[in-house]
Structure formats: C-alpha cells, structure tokens
C-alpha cells in the first residue's frame, strides 16, 4: 500500500505544479495540458481499483499484465513529479537570490510534463512492439566444416502475460522466427513472470517456430514461480511442473541440468542447459560439472543459460563451451537513443550482444517481453539469428 501512497502523492504534486505553471497561460494550452493530466490520473485510479478489487487468481494473464501497466504509470508519475519538483525548487531559490520571480520555471515544468508523457507513451504503445530481427555471425575456430553456416533462432524472456491483449503481435514474431527456417531454436527462459497460468494457450503460438535439428529451452528464475506473491514450496513444485508441461507442449526439449547430443549434416554436436533459480540479488545455478564434464572435448557444444553472469562458471567443469546464449537482463528495457548506453551496464558486466573469452562466445539477448513496466525505451525487443562460422 505504501507504493500506491507514493504514487498518489506524486500525482497530487504534479497537479499542484502544473496548475501553478498554467496560471495566466493561453486557454488552449491550459485545456490541453490539464486534459492530458486528467487522463493520466484517470488511468492511475482505474488501474488501482482493478488491482485492489480483483479477487481471482493473481497470475491470471489480465491481472499479471495490470502489474506492469502500473509500472508504466509509476515510472511516469515519480519521474515527472520529481523532475518538476527539482525545477520548481531551483527556480524559487534562484528567484529569491535575484529578488524577482522567474517565469521560465513554469514553462520548463510544462515542457517536462509533455516530453516525459510523450516518451513514456511511445515506450508503451509503440516501442515495446517494435520487434527487430538481429543477425549476428559467430566465428568458432576449429569448427567442423559441415557445421559452418549453422543457424540459430534465439528467443528469450517472453514473459507471456506482458503480451496480454496483443497475442497476435507475439504470434507474428514467432512466425517470423519460424520463417527463417533455423537449424536450432533456442529459448533462454522466463516464459512467465508470476505463475504458470500466464501460459494460457500460448503453447500454440510458441510451437510455430521449430528448429530443423532441434528446439531447446531452459527455464529462467521467474519460471520457478518465486515471484508469485503467496509463493511457498508447495506452489513452487506445482508451478515448475505446470511450466515444464507447457514448455514441452510448445515443442521444446526442456534442458534441466542436462545435455543432449544431436546431429547436423551428420555431425554430432551437444546442446546443454543449466538451471537458474532465485531472485536477482540471490541467484543460484545448476551443476555445470555434471552437465559439461561428460562431453568430449572435440564436440561442438552450445550452452543455454538464463543469467549471463553464470557463463564463466562453466570453467569449473573443465570445459568451456564454444557458444553460450543467455537472456535475463532485458537490456533494462531502456537505453539512450541509438542504444549507446544502458543502465543495464551498471548492474551486469555482460548485458546485451556478443562477448568472447578464451575462444568461448556468449550472446545475450534483450528478449521479447517486458517485466516491471510494460514499456521499452530505445531497447527494442528482438529475435536473434545467429550464424555459426568456421574459423581458422
């Protein structure tokens, strides 16, 4: 409830600042700004009532989606009211020193309100659906020539409830991945956010992208159900079982601390997966040694992870895979324009793109879905097409 009280206070502060800023302004400007502010308040109140009065299953897709809708409203209210409050305080301090009222503070607050509203609305209505197909070559020294050109469609962090009301967009994205006719389809987990109910009928959608040589997945830390508000061990067991069923019904081979030998053009290769559990600040991982040690050194190995921070832990097995893939970071769903910097870089050493260490490559995808807030800012959702090349 404290969270909602903070949002209410932010909303009231913003009303106060905007009403003062609009005093004596053009009537059209006053009407337009106050109408937009009223729309934000109405959205906040309506969503709040839907959340607190809801009595159904928390992880039902519509309710799970409301949580990240509220995240968008929270981002807007807190950031805008905070910025406008800072501008107002600076303006008053400067005005008192200059012994006159500074008129620019009102204009600055109006511009701030409109600018942040525009950016947040764009992130919610457009950018989170602006799915890109990213193509990346990965050169592996000593790769068998028959594996040269191996293509991988990489998906991750679907957070299926984040597509509520827009499953057709997810359907088109998965079909786009399927049309690439990849040799492998790999999914790095976080199919859900809170509970297995979020899957709904999405297994039908996900089954539309399969690999010619295999379709594999690992679970993410959300797939355990530990983010469910009333989580206990009993719910965790049920959630893992139901999520496993749904993933496999979607056409995936689920890798829980295991490796599978498959073939491509008659050449053997290994696809391995190591589990990830827990919350962001308390993550735990599966048994790398158990998974990787039995594999021959000569076999080309692809390792599926959820959290990229676990990549180099594969060294404990004595075998660092030639290629690993991961997700988890979402690229923080935000970056500066052109993606030149993301706050994800402050938290994750490897947060998006291709990395290399002693002949091993890691690709981290920013994922398809959203979590925390139903928006993306200059960090578009992506389907990654990796092409493995033989190097010298």
Protein backbone atom coordinates (compact mmCIF):
# COMPACT_ATOMS: atom_id res chain seq x y z
CA UNK A 1 0.00 0.00 0.00
CA UNK A 2 2.96 2.32 0.62
CA UNK A 3 3.75 2.06 -3.09
CA UNK A 4 0.30 3.39 -4.02
CA UNK A 5 0.54 6.18 -1.43
CA UNK A 6 3.80 7.29 -3.05
CA UNK A 7 2.09 7.30 -6.45
CA UNK A 8 -0.86 9.27 -5.08
CA UNK A 9 1.49 11.84 -3.55
CA UNK A 10 3.39 12.08 -6.85
CA UNK A 11 0.13 12.60 -8.74
CA UNK A 12 -1.02 15.37 -6.37
CA UNK A 13 2.37 17.11 -6.50
CA UNK A 14 2.21 17.07 -10.29
CA UNK A 15 -1.31 18.53 -10.26
CA UNK A 16 -0.17 21.33 -7.95
CA UNK A 17 2.91 22.17 -10.04
CA UNK A 18 1.05 22.13 -13.37
CA UNK A 19 -1.87 24.26 -12.13
CA UNK A 20 0.59 26.90 -10.91
CA UNK A 21 2.63 26.67 -14.12
CA UNK A 22 -0.50 27.14 -16.27
CA UNK A 23 -1.77 30.18 -14.40
CA UNK A 24 -2.28 33.03 -16.87
CA UNK A 25 -1.32 30.88 -19.89
CA UNK A 26 -3.18 30.52 -23.17
CA UNK A 27 -6.54 28.83 -22.60
CA UNK A 28 -5.92 26.21 -25.31
CA UNK A 29 -2.60 25.24 -23.69
CA UNK A 30 -4.24 25.09 -20.26
CA UNK A 31 -7.05 22.87 -21.52
CA UNK A 32 -4.70 20.53 -23.41
CA UNK A 33 -2.26 20.04 -20.53
CA UNK A 34 -4.95 19.62 -17.89
CA UNK A 35 -6.85 17.18 -20.12
CA UNK A 36 -3.73 15.05 -20.54
CA UNK A 37 -3.03 15.21 -16.80
CA UNK A 38 -6.61 14.19 -16.04
CA UNK A 39 -6.25 11.24 -18.42
CA UNK A 40 -3.14 10.07 -16.54
CA UNK A 41 -4.91 10.38 -13.19
CA UNK A 42 -7.96 8.53 -14.51
CA UNK A 43 -5.73 5.72 -15.82
CA UNK A 44 -3.98 5.50 -12.44
CA UNK A 45 -7.21 5.41 -10.41
CA UNK A 46 -8.92 2.94 -12.76
CA UNK A 47 -5.96 0.57 -12.75
CA UNK A 48 -5.57 0.87 -8.98
CA UNK A 49 -9.21 -0.10 -8.44
CA UNK A 50 -8.92 -3.05 -10.83
CA UNK A 51 -5.86 -4.32 -8.96
CA UNK A 52 -7.11 -3.91 -5.38
CA UNK A 53 -10.65 -5.13 -6.08
CA UNK A 54 -9.53 -8.18 -8.07
CA UNK A 55 -10.33 -11.44 -6.29
CA UNK A 56 -9.27 -14.00 -8.88
CA UNK A 57 -6.02 -15.87 -9.44
CA UNK A 58 -3.11 -13.40 -9.22
CA UNK A 59 -1.17 -14.99 -12.10
CA UNK A 60 -4.14 -14.88 -14.47
CA UNK A 61 -2.77 -13.06 -17.57
CA UNK A 62 -5.01 -9.98 -17.35
CA UNK A 63 -4.13 -9.36 -13.70
CA UNK A 64 -0.43 -10.10 -14.22
CA UNK A 65 -0.43 -7.57 -17.05
CA UNK A 66 -2.04 -4.92 -14.83
CA UNK A 67 1.00 -5.08 -12.55
CA UNK A 68 3.36 -3.97 -15.32
CA UNK A 69 0.86 -1.41 -16.60
CA UNK A 70 1.03 0.12 -13.14
CA UNK A 71 4.81 0.05 -13.50
CA UNK A 72 4.50 2.38 -16.51
CA UNK A 73 2.25 4.79 -14.61
CA UNK A 74 4.62 4.68 -11.63
CA UNK A 75 7.58 5.49 -13.85
CA UNK A 76 5.78 8.47 -15.32
CA UNK A 77 4.37 9.90 -12.08
CA UNK A 78 7.50 9.53 -9.98
CA UNK A 79 9.97 10.70 -12.63
CA UNK A 80 7.85 13.64 -13.81
CA UNK A 81 6.79 14.90 -10.39
CA UNK A 82 10.36 14.52 -9.13
CA UNK A 83 11.86 16.40 -12.08
CA UNK A 84 9.26 19.16 -11.91
CA UNK A 85 9.75 19.49 -8.16
CA UNK A 86 13.50 19.92 -8.64
CA UNK A 87 12.94 22.56 -11.35
CA UNK A 88 10.46 24.40 -9.09
CA UNK A 89 12.82 24.42 -6.10
CA UNK A 90 15.76 25.59 -8.21
CA UNK A 91 13.58 28.30 -9.76
CA UNK A 92 12.43 29.57 -6.39
CA UNK A 93 15.93 29.57 -4.92
CA UNK A 94 17.27 31.41 -7.96
CA UNK A 95 14.31 33.82 -7.83
CA UNK A 96 14.91 34.62 -4.17
CA UNK A 97 18.57 35.34 -4.86
CA UNK A 98 17.68 37.58 -7.80
CA UNK A 99 14.76 39.11 -5.85
CA UNK A 100 12.29 38.50 -8.66
CA UNK A 101 10.00 35.72 -9.88
CA UNK A 102 11.44 33.60 -12.65
CA UNK A 103 8.85 32.88 -15.33
CA UNK A 104 10.87 30.14 -17.05
CA UNK A 105 10.18 27.61 -14.30
CA UNK A 106 6.51 27.33 -15.28
CA UNK A 107 7.33 26.80 -18.96
CA UNK A 108 10.06 24.31 -18.04
CA UNK A 109 7.61 22.25 -15.96
CA UNK A 110 5.02 22.20 -18.74
CA UNK A 111 7.64 21.11 -21.29
CA UNK A 112 8.94 18.44 -18.91
CA UNK A 113 5.45 17.05 -18.38
CA UNK A 114 4.69 16.87 -22.10
CA UNK A 115 8.10 15.49 -23.05
CA UNK A 116 8.10 12.68 -20.46
CA UNK A 117 4.49 11.83 -21.30
CA UNK A 118 5.39 11.56 -24.98
CA UNK A 119 8.41 9.32 -24.32
CA UNK A 120 6.55 7.03 -21.89
CA UNK A 121 3.52 6.75 -24.18
CA UNK A 122 5.79 5.87 -27.09
CA UNK A 123 7.52 3.22 -24.99
CA UNK A 124 4.17 1.69 -24.03
CA UNK A 125 2.20 1.92 -27.26
CA UNK A 126 4.94 1.51 -29.89
CA UNK A 127 8.45 0.63 -28.80
CA UNK A 128 7.59 -2.50 -26.83
CA UNK A 129 6.13 -3.97 -30.02
CA UNK A 130 8.90 -2.78 -32.34
CA UNK A 131 10.39 -6.25 -32.70
CA UNK A 132 13.71 -6.42 -34.55
CA UNK A 133 15.39 -9.39 -36.18
CA UNK A 134 19.05 -9.07 -35.25
CA UNK A 135 21.61 -11.04 -37.26
CA UNK A 136 24.96 -11.95 -35.79
CA UNK A 137 27.79 -14.15 -37.10
CA UNK A 138 29.80 -16.14 -34.56
CA UNK A 139 33.19 -17.43 -35.72
CA UNK A 140 34.34 -20.62 -33.99
CA UNK A 141 37.96 -21.69 -34.60
CA UNK A 142 38.34 -25.37 -35.50
CA UNK A 143 34.64 -25.86 -36.22
CA UNK A 144 33.83 -28.84 -38.43
CA UNK A 145 33.17 -27.54 -41.93
CA UNK A 146 29.85 -29.37 -42.02
CA UNK A 147 28.67 -27.16 -39.16
CA UNK A 148 29.70 -23.99 -40.98
CA UNK A 149 26.57 -21.92 -41.56
CA UNK A 150 24.58 -23.47 -38.69
CA UNK A 151 21.73 -21.06 -37.94
CA UNK A 152 20.14 -20.48 -34.55
CA UNK A 153 16.96 -18.55 -33.77
CA UNK A 154 17.44 -17.20 -30.25
CA UNK A 155 14.45 -16.18 -28.14
CA UNK A 156 14.24 -15.22 -24.50
CA UNK A 157 12.36 -13.50 -21.70
CA UNK A 158 8.93 -13.84 -23.29
CA UNK A 159 7.10 -13.00 -20.03
CA UNK A 160 3.93 -14.19 -21.72
CA UNK A 161 1.48 -12.14 -19.66
CA UNK A 162 3.16 -8.97 -20.97
CA UNK A 163 1.53 -9.78 -24.33
CA UNK A 164 -1.99 -9.83 -22.87
CA UNK A 165 -4.35 -8.19 -25.34
CA UNK A 166 -1.66 -8.34 -28.03
CA UNK A 167 -1.00 -12.04 -28.50
CA UNK A 168 -1.36 -11.52 -32.24
CA UNK A 169 1.87 -9.50 -32.19
CA UNK A 170 3.68 -12.30 -30.37
CA UNK A 171 2.22 -14.78 -32.85
CA UNK A 172 3.62 -12.78 -35.79
CA UNK A 173 7.03 -12.56 -34.12
CA UNK A 174 7.23 -16.30 -33.52
CA UNK A 175 6.12 -16.96 -37.09
CA UNK A 176 8.86 -14.59 -38.29
CA UNK A 177 11.39 -16.68 -36.38
CA UNK A 178 9.97 -19.85 -37.94
CA UNK A 179 10.17 -18.41 -41.45
CA UNK A 180 13.95 -18.12 -41.01
CA UNK A 181 13.99 -21.96 -41.11
CA UNK A 182 16.70 -22.12 -38.43
CA UNK A 183 18.64 -25.27 -37.71
CA UNK A 184 18.09 -24.72 -33.99
CA UNK A 185 15.59 -22.73 -31.96
CA UNK A 186 16.90 -21.86 -28.50
CA UNK A 187 14.97 -20.16 -25.69
CA UNK A 188 16.77 -18.80 -22.63
CA UNK A 189 13.77 -18.86 -20.29
CA UNK A 190 11.47 -16.60 -18.27
CA UNK A 191 8.38 -17.77 -20.08
CA UNK A 192 6.31 -16.39 -17.19
CA UNK A 193 6.58 -13.66 -14.58
CA UNK A 194 4.46 -14.85 -11.64
CA UNK A 195 2.73 -18.16 -12.30
CA UNK A 196 2.07 -20.95 -14.77
CA UNK A 197 -1.42 -19.61 -15.55
CA UNK A 198 0.22 -16.95 -17.74
CA UNK A 199 0.92 -19.60 -20.37
CA UNK A 200 -2.76 -19.84 -21.30
CA UNK A 201 -2.92 -21.02 -24.90
CA UNK A 202 0.49 -19.60 -25.80
CA UNK A 203 1.90 -23.08 -26.38
CA UNK A 204 0.05 -22.97 -29.70
CA UNK A 205 1.84 -19.75 -30.61
CA UNK A 206 5.30 -20.88 -29.50
CA UNK A 207 5.06 -24.14 -31.43
CA UNK A 208 5.14 -22.14 -34.69
CA UNK A 209 8.94 -21.81 -34.52
CA UNK A 210 10.92 -25.06 -34.53
CA UNK A 211 14.48 -25.93 -35.46
CA UNK A 212 15.35 -28.41 -38.18
CA UNK A 213 17.88 -30.04 -35.85
CA UNK A 214 16.13 -29.33 -32.56
CA UNK A 215 14.18 -26.89 -30.41
CA UNK A 216 15.56 -26.42 -26.89
CA UNK A 217 14.87 -24.30 -23.81
CA UNK A 218 15.97 -23.66 -20.27
CA UNK A 219 13.87 -22.09 -17.56
CA UNK A 220 14.55 -18.66 -16.11
CA UNK A 221 14.41 -17.63 -12.47
CA UNK A 222 10.80 -16.47 -12.91
CA UNK A 223 9.71 -19.88 -14.18
CA UNK A 224 10.00 -21.32 -10.66
CA UNK A 225 7.06 -19.15 -9.56
CA UNK A 226 9.12 -17.48 -6.83
CA UNK A 227 7.77 -14.05 -7.80
CA UNK A 228 4.22 -15.17 -7.02
CA UNK A 229 3.10 -13.05 -4.01
CA UNK A 230 1.86 -16.04 -1.99
CA UNK A 231 4.74 -18.32 -3.00
CA UNK A 232 5.54 -21.34 -0.86
CA UNK A 233 7.31 -24.63 -1.54
CA UNK A 234 4.07 -26.34 -2.50
CA UNK A 235 3.27 -23.68 -5.08
CA UNK A 236 6.84 -23.86 -6.37
CA UNK A 237 6.60 -27.61 -7.05
CA UNK A 238 3.24 -27.14 -8.81
CA UNK A 239 4.49 -24.21 -10.86
CA UNK A 240 7.64 -25.99 -12.04
CA UNK A 241 5.59 -28.99 -13.09
CA UNK A 242 2.98 -26.94 -14.94
CA UNK A 243 5.57 -24.72 -16.63
CA UNK A 244 7.51 -27.81 -17.73
CA UNK A 245 4.36 -29.28 -19.28
CA UNK A 246 3.58 -26.05 -21.10
CA UNK A 247 7.12 -25.61 -22.41
CA UNK A 248 7.21 -29.17 -23.72
CA UNK A 249 3.72 -28.78 -25.20
CA UNK A 250 5.14 -25.78 -27.09
CA UNK A 251 7.54 -28.11 -28.90
CA UNK A 252 10.66 -27.50 -26.81
CA UNK A 253 13.01 -30.04 -25.32
CA UNK A 254 13.48 -28.67 -21.80
CA UNK A 255 17.04 -28.89 -20.50
CA UNK A 256 17.24 -29.09 -16.72
CA UNK A 257 20.93 -29.57 -15.95
CA UNK A 258 21.34 -31.89 -18.87
CA UNK A 259 22.97 -32.14 -22.29
CA UNK A 260 21.63 -33.74 -25.43
CA UNK A 261 23.65 -34.96 -28.39
CA UNK A 262 22.06 -34.07 -31.71
CA UNK A 263 23.25 -34.09 -35.30
CA UNK A 264 23.51 -31.52 -38.04
CA UNK A 265 24.52 -32.64 -41.52
CA UNK A 266 25.65 -35.90 -39.98
CA UNK A 267 27.98 -34.23 -37.46
CA UNK A 268 27.37 -34.62 -33.73
CA UNK A 269 27.01 -31.56 -31.54
CA UNK A 270 25.86 -31.06 -27.96
CA UNK A 271 23.15 -28.73 -26.70
CA UNK A 272 23.33 -28.30 -22.94
CA UNK A 273 21.27 -26.37 -20.43
CA UNK A 274 22.00 -25.30 -16.85
CA UNK A 275 19.28 -24.16 -14.47
CA UNK A 276 18.91 -20.71 -12.88
CA UNK A 277 16.94 -20.09 -9.68
CA UNK A 278 16.22 -17.30 -7.21
CA UNK A 279 15.84 -13.53 -7.29
CA UNK A 280 18.19 -11.01 -8.85
CA UNK A 281 20.36 -10.42 -5.77
CA UNK A 282 20.30 -14.06 -4.68
CA UNK A 283 20.74 -16.20 -7.79
CA UNK A 284 21.80 -19.83 -7.77
CA UNK A 285 22.74 -22.06 -10.66
CA UNK A 286 22.72 -25.71 -11.61
CA UNK A 287 25.57 -28.19 -11.80
CA UNK A 288 27.92 -27.17 -14.62
CA UNK A 289 30.31 -30.01 -13.92
CA UNK A 290 27.55 -32.62 -14.10
CA UNK A 291 26.30 -31.21 -17.41
CA UNK A 292 29.53 -30.44 -19.25
CA UNK A 293 32.23 -32.81 -17.90
CA UNK A 294 30.93 -35.94 -19.68
CA UNK A 295 31.01 -34.25 -23.07
CA UNK A 296 34.02 -34.99 -25.34
CA UNK A 297 36.37 -32.05 -25.80
CA UNK A 298 36.11 -32.45 -29.56
CA UNK A 299 32.34 -31.97 -29.77
CA UNK A 300 30.89 -28.58 -30.64
CA UNK A 301 28.84 -27.51 -27.61
CA UNK A 302 26.13 -24.89 -27.25
CA UNK A 303 25.22 -23.97 -23.67
CA UNK A 304 21.83 -22.48 -22.79
CA UNK A 305 21.82 -20.22 -19.74
CA UNK A 306 19.34 -17.75 -18.38
CA UNK A 307 21.63 -15.43 -16.44
CA UNK A 308 24.76 -14.35 -18.35
CA UNK A 309 26.60 -13.87 -15.06
CA UNK A 310 26.84 -17.66 -14.82
CA UNK A 311 28.67 -18.04 -18.15
CA UNK A 312 32.22 -18.35 -16.87
CA UNK A 313 31.16 -20.80 -14.16
CA UNK A 314 31.30 -23.38 -16.92
CA UNK A 315 35.08 -23.31 -16.41
CA UNK A 316 34.66 -25.39 -13.21
CA UNK A 317 33.70 -28.32 -15.42
CA UNK A 318 37.00 -28.10 -17.24
CA UNK A 319 35.09 -27.49 -20.48
CA UNK A 320 34.15 -24.01 -21.64
CA UNK A 321 31.57 -24.36 -24.44
CA UNK A 322 32.32 -22.82 -27.80
CA UNK A 323 29.00 -20.97 -27.74
CA UNK A 324 26.67 -19.95 -24.91
CA UNK A 325 23.42 -18.00 -25.07
CA UNK A 326 21.61 -16.12 -22.29
CA UNK A 327 18.95 -13.50 -21.61
CA UNK A 328 17.67 -12.23 -18.24
CA UNK A 329 18.88 -8.61 -18.43
CA UNK A 330 16.24 -7.26 -20.88
CA UNK A 331 18.86 -4.59 -21.52
CA UNK A 332 16.92 -2.98 -18.65
CA UNK A 333 14.30 -2.26 -21.35
CA UNK A 334 15.92 1.16 -21.60
CA UNK A 335 18.86 2.89 -23.22
CA UNK A 336 19.87 6.25 -24.54
CA UNK A 337 18.86 6.88 -28.18
CA UNK A 338 20.74 4.62 -30.64
CA UNK A 339 21.43 2.27 -27.73
CA UNK A 340 24.72 3.98 -26.94
CA UNK A 341 24.35 3.38 -23.18
CA UNK A 342 22.00 1.46 -20.93
CA UNK A 343 21.66 1.42 -17.14
CA UNK A 344 21.98 -2.36 -17.52
CA UNK A 345 25.73 -1.79 -17.83
CA UNK A 346 25.81 -0.59 -14.21
CA UNK A 347 24.47 -3.92 -12.97
CA UNK A 348 25.56 -6.54 -15.50
CA UNK A 349 29.04 -6.99 -16.90
CA UNK A 350 27.52 -8.70 -19.93
CA UNK A 351 24.06 -7.36 -20.67
CA UNK A 352 23.44 -7.43 -24.46
CA UNK A 353 25.24 -8.61 -27.57
CA UNK A 354 28.24 -10.84 -28.29
CA UNK A 355 31.08 -11.45 -25.82
CA UNK A 356 34.23 -13.58 -26.11
CA UNK A 357 36.52 -15.23 -23.57
CA UNK A 358 39.33 -17.65 -24.41
CA UNK A 359 37.65 -18.95 -27.53
CA UNK A 360 34.18 -19.18 -25.98
CA UNK A 361 31.42 -16.89 -27.21
CA UNK A 362 28.37 -15.66 -25.32
CA UNK A 363 25.40 -13.94 -26.87
CA UNK A 364 23.00 -12.11 -24.53
CA UNK A 365 19.59 -11.21 -25.93
CA UNK A 366 17.49 -8.32 -24.65
CA UNK A 367 14.45 -10.58 -25.05
CA UNK A 368 10.95 -10.17 -26.38
CA UNK A 369 8.67 -9.45 -23.43
CA UNK A 370 8.65 -6.91 -20.65
CA UNK A 371 8.77 -7.07 -16.86
CA UNK A 372 8.36 -4.42 -14.18
CA UNK A 373 6.89 -1.99 -16.68
CA UNK A 374 5.06 -2.64 -19.95
CA UNK A 375 7.35 -0.38 -21.95
CA UNK A 376 10.70 -0.23 -23.69
CA UNK A 377 12.80 2.84 -24.38
CA UNK A 378 15.34 2.60 -27.21
CA UNK A 379 15.86 -1.06 -26.27
CA UNK A 380 13.67 -2.90 -28.77
CA UNK A 381 12.51 -6.48 -28.33
CA UNK A 382 14.44 -8.84 -30.54
CA UNK A 383 14.70 -12.19 -32.24
CA UNK A 384 18.35 -13.04 -32.78
CA UNK A 385 19.52 -15.10 -35.73
CA UNK A 386 22.99 -16.45 -35.01
CA UNK A 387 25.03 -17.94 -37.84
CA UNK A 388 27.96 -20.09 -36.74
CA UNK A 389 31.01 -19.78 -38.99
CA UNK A 390 34.10 -21.96 -39.12
CA UNK A 391 37.29 -20.05 -38.33
CA UNK A 392 40.97 -20.85 -38.63
